C-alpha atoms as a PDB file:
ATOM      1  CA  MET A   1     -13.737   3.311  27.917  1.00  0.00           C
ATOM      2  CA  MET A   2     -13.978   3.572  24.250  1.00  0.00           C
ATOM      3  CA  SER A   3     -13.787   6.979  22.586  1.00  0.00           C
ATOM      4  CA  SER A   4     -15.683   7.757  19.242  1.00  0.00           C
ATOM      5  CA  PRO A   5     -13.154   7.782  16.206  1.00  0.00           C
ATOM      6  CA  ASP A   6     -11.935  11.143  14.883  1.00  0.00           C
ATOM      7  CA  PRO A   7     -14.148  12.230  12.159  1.00  0.00           C
ATOM      8  CA  VAL A   8     -10.820  13.689  10.199  1.00  0.00           C
ATOM      9  CA  LEU A   9      -8.914  10.330  10.746  1.00  0.00           C
ATOM     10  CA  MET A  10     -12.319   8.430   9.471  1.00  0.00           C
ATOM     11  CA  LEU A  11     -12.494  11.086   6.312  1.00  0.00           C
ATOM     12  CA  VAL A  12      -8.732  10.233   5.586  1.00  0.00           C
ATOM     13  CA  SER A  13      -9.093   6.486   5.761  1.00  0.00           C
ATOM     14  CA  GLY A  14     -12.007   6.673   3.541  1.00  0.00           C
ATOM     15  CA  ILE A  15     -10.311   8.503   0.930  1.00  0.00           C
ATOM     16  CA  LEU A  16      -7.263   6.188   1.122  1.00  0.00           C
ATOM     17  CA  ILE A  17      -9.483   3.366   0.708  1.00  0.00           C
ATOM     18  CA  LEU A  18     -11.065   4.897  -2.444  1.00  0.00           C
ATOM     19  CA  ALA A  19      -7.649   5.727  -3.825  1.00  0.00           C
ATOM     20  CA  LEU A  20      -6.672   2.216  -3.284  1.00  0.00           C
ATOM     21  CA  LEU A  21      -9.541   0.837  -5.224  1.00  0.00           C
ATOM     22  CA  LEU A  22      -8.892   3.360  -7.965  1.00  0.00           C
ATOM     23  CA  VAL A  23      -5.177   2.003  -8.225  1.00  0.00           C
ATOM     24  CA  LEU A  24      -6.333  -1.542  -8.330  1.00  0.00           C
ATOM     25  CA  VAL A  25      -8.718  -0.531 -11.244  1.00  0.00           C
ATOM     26  CA  ARG A  26      -5.726   0.667 -13.091  1.00  0.00           C
ATOM     27  CA  ALA A  27      -3.498  -2.607 -12.099  1.00  0.00           C
ATOM     28  CA  LEU A  28      -6.125  -4.663 -13.810  1.00  0.00           C
ATOM     29  CA  ARG A  29      -7.035  -2.609 -16.772  1.00  0.00           C
ATOM     30  CA  GLY A  30      -3.613  -0.856 -17.196  1.00  0.00           C
ATOM     31  CA  PRO A  31      -2.560  -0.292 -20.788  1.00  0.00           C
ATOM     32  CA  SER A  32       1.237  -1.584 -20.265  1.00  0.00           C
ATOM     33  CA  VAL A  33       2.753  -4.140 -18.082  1.00  0.00           C
ATOM     34  CA  PHE A  34       4.663  -1.400 -16.287  1.00  0.00           C
ATOM     35  CA  ASP A  35       1.645   0.738 -15.705  1.00  0.00           C
ATOM     36  CA  ARG A  36       0.312  -2.327 -13.719  1.00  0.00           C
ATOM     37  CA  ILE A  37       3.428  -2.866 -11.887  1.00  0.00           C
ATOM     38  CA  LEU A  38       3.589   0.784 -10.961  1.00  0.00           C
ATOM     39  CA  ALA A  39      -0.268   0.344  -9.776  1.00  0.00           C
ATOM     40  CA  VAL A  40       0.591  -2.344  -7.586  1.00  0.00           C
ATOM     41  CA  ASN A  41       3.397  -0.707  -6.036  1.00  0.00           C
ATOM     42  CA  VAL A  42       1.074   2.361  -5.180  1.00  0.00           C
ATOM     43  CA  ALA A  43      -1.369   0.051  -3.900  1.00  0.00           C
ATOM     44  CA  GLY A  44       1.319  -1.327  -1.644  1.00  0.00           C
ATOM     45  CA  THR A  45       2.315   2.175  -0.606  1.00  0.00           C
ATOM     46  CA  LYS A  46      -1.130   3.245   0.382  1.00  0.00           C
ATOM     47  CA  THR A  47      -1.675  -0.041   2.378  1.00  0.00           C
ATOM     48  CA  VAL A  48       1.548   0.823   4.438  1.00  0.00           C
ATOM     49  CA  ILE A  49      -0.297   4.302   5.038  1.00  0.00           C
ATOM     50  CA  LEU A  50      -3.613   2.611   6.035  1.00  0.00           C
ATOM     51  CA  VAL A  51      -1.821   0.062   8.460  1.00  0.00           C
ATOM     52  CA  ALA A  52       0.184   2.933  10.057  1.00  0.00           C
ATOM     53  CA  LEU A  53      -3.060   5.052  10.273  1.00  0.00           C
ATOM     54  CA  LEU A  54      -4.813   2.184  11.977  1.00  0.00           C
ATOM     55  CA  GLY A  55      -1.975   1.650  14.481  1.00  0.00           C
ATOM     56  CA  PHE A  56      -2.175   5.702  15.392  1.00  0.00           C
ATOM     57  CA  VAL A  57      -6.033   5.649  15.709  1.00  0.00           C
ATOM     58  CA  SER A  58      -6.071   2.668  17.785  1.00  0.00           C
ATOM     59  CA  ALA A  59      -2.981   3.551  19.789  1.00  0.00           C
ATOM     60  CA  ARG A  60      -0.965   0.571  18.951  1.00  0.00           C
ATOM     61  CA  PRO A  61       2.775   1.521  18.033  1.00  0.00           C
ATOM     62  CA  GLU A  62       3.357  -1.952  16.866  1.00  0.00           C
ATOM     63  CA  PHE A  63       1.511  -1.455  13.998  1.00  0.00           C
ATOM     64  CA  LEU A  64       4.049   0.973  12.686  1.00  0.00           C
ATOM     65  CA  ASP A  65       6.627  -2.182  12.765  1.00  0.00           C
ATOM     66  CA  ILE A  66       4.184  -4.102  10.831  1.00  0.00           C
ATOM     67  CA  ALA A  67       3.835  -0.964   8.237  1.00  0.00           C
ATOM     68  CA  LEU A  68       7.495  -0.501   8.121  1.00  0.00           C
ATOM     69  CA  LEU A  69       8.095  -4.431   7.270  1.00  0.00           C
ATOM     70  CA  TYR A  70       5.567  -4.217   4.802  1.00  0.00           C
ATOM     71  CA  ALA A  71       7.045  -1.263   2.956  1.00  0.00           C
ATOM     72  CA  LEU A  72      10.447  -3.227   2.723  1.00  0.00           C
ATOM     73  CA  MET A  73       8.826  -6.228   1.399  1.00  0.00           C
ATOM     74  CA  ASN A  74       7.056  -4.144  -1.047  1.00  0.00           C
ATOM     75  CA  PHE A  75      10.072  -2.561  -2.151  1.00  0.00           C
ATOM     76  CA  VAL A  76      12.281  -5.678  -2.397  1.00  0.00           C
ATOM     77  CA  VAL A  77       9.243  -7.360  -4.245  1.00  0.00           C
ATOM     78  CA  MET A  78       9.025  -4.324  -6.748  1.00  0.00           C
ATOM     79  CA  ILE A  79      12.897  -4.628  -7.644  1.00  0.00           C
ATOM     80  CA  ALA A  80      12.511  -8.490  -7.952  1.00  0.00           C
ATOM     81  CA  ILE A  81       9.430  -8.220 -10.443  1.00  0.00           C
ATOM     82  CA  LEU A  82      11.287  -5.346 -12.404  1.00  0.00           C
ATOM     83  CA  LYS A  83      14.269  -7.245 -12.632  1.00  0.00           C
ATOM     84  CA  VAL A  84      12.556 -10.463 -13.992  1.00  0.00           C
ATOM     85  CA  ARG A  85      10.510  -8.394 -16.412  1.00  0.00           C
ATOM     86  CA  GLN A  86      13.535  -6.790 -17.929  1.00  0.00           C
ATOM     87  CA  PHE A  87      16.062  -9.504 -17.739  1.00  0.00           C
ATOM     88  CA  GLY A  88      13.997 -12.578 -17.639  1.00  0.00           C
ATOM     89  CA  GLN A  89      15.563 -14.025 -14.361  1.00  0.00           C
ATOM     90  CA  LEU A  90      16.448 -12.957 -10.911  1.00  0.00           C
ATOM     91  CA  GLY A  91      20.098 -14.353 -10.875  1.00  0.00           C
END
């Protein structure tokens, strides 16, 4: 038997999706490269929160593992992008 979704969680999900869309607009229109990189990092963080919230709502704890993996990937990729931006190479 399927229960109806909690209205508070639906509201929080909607707010997170709206914030994610606004951050993606900043990533496309950012005045500098660093603003765009920061916006992509924030979008990744909001995606991690949405995946964890989806796992909580659907009572599937394995989504938390996916969210943690995505957070680690987001961190490593951001470090790599910033290093390439500053030094021109990864090595």
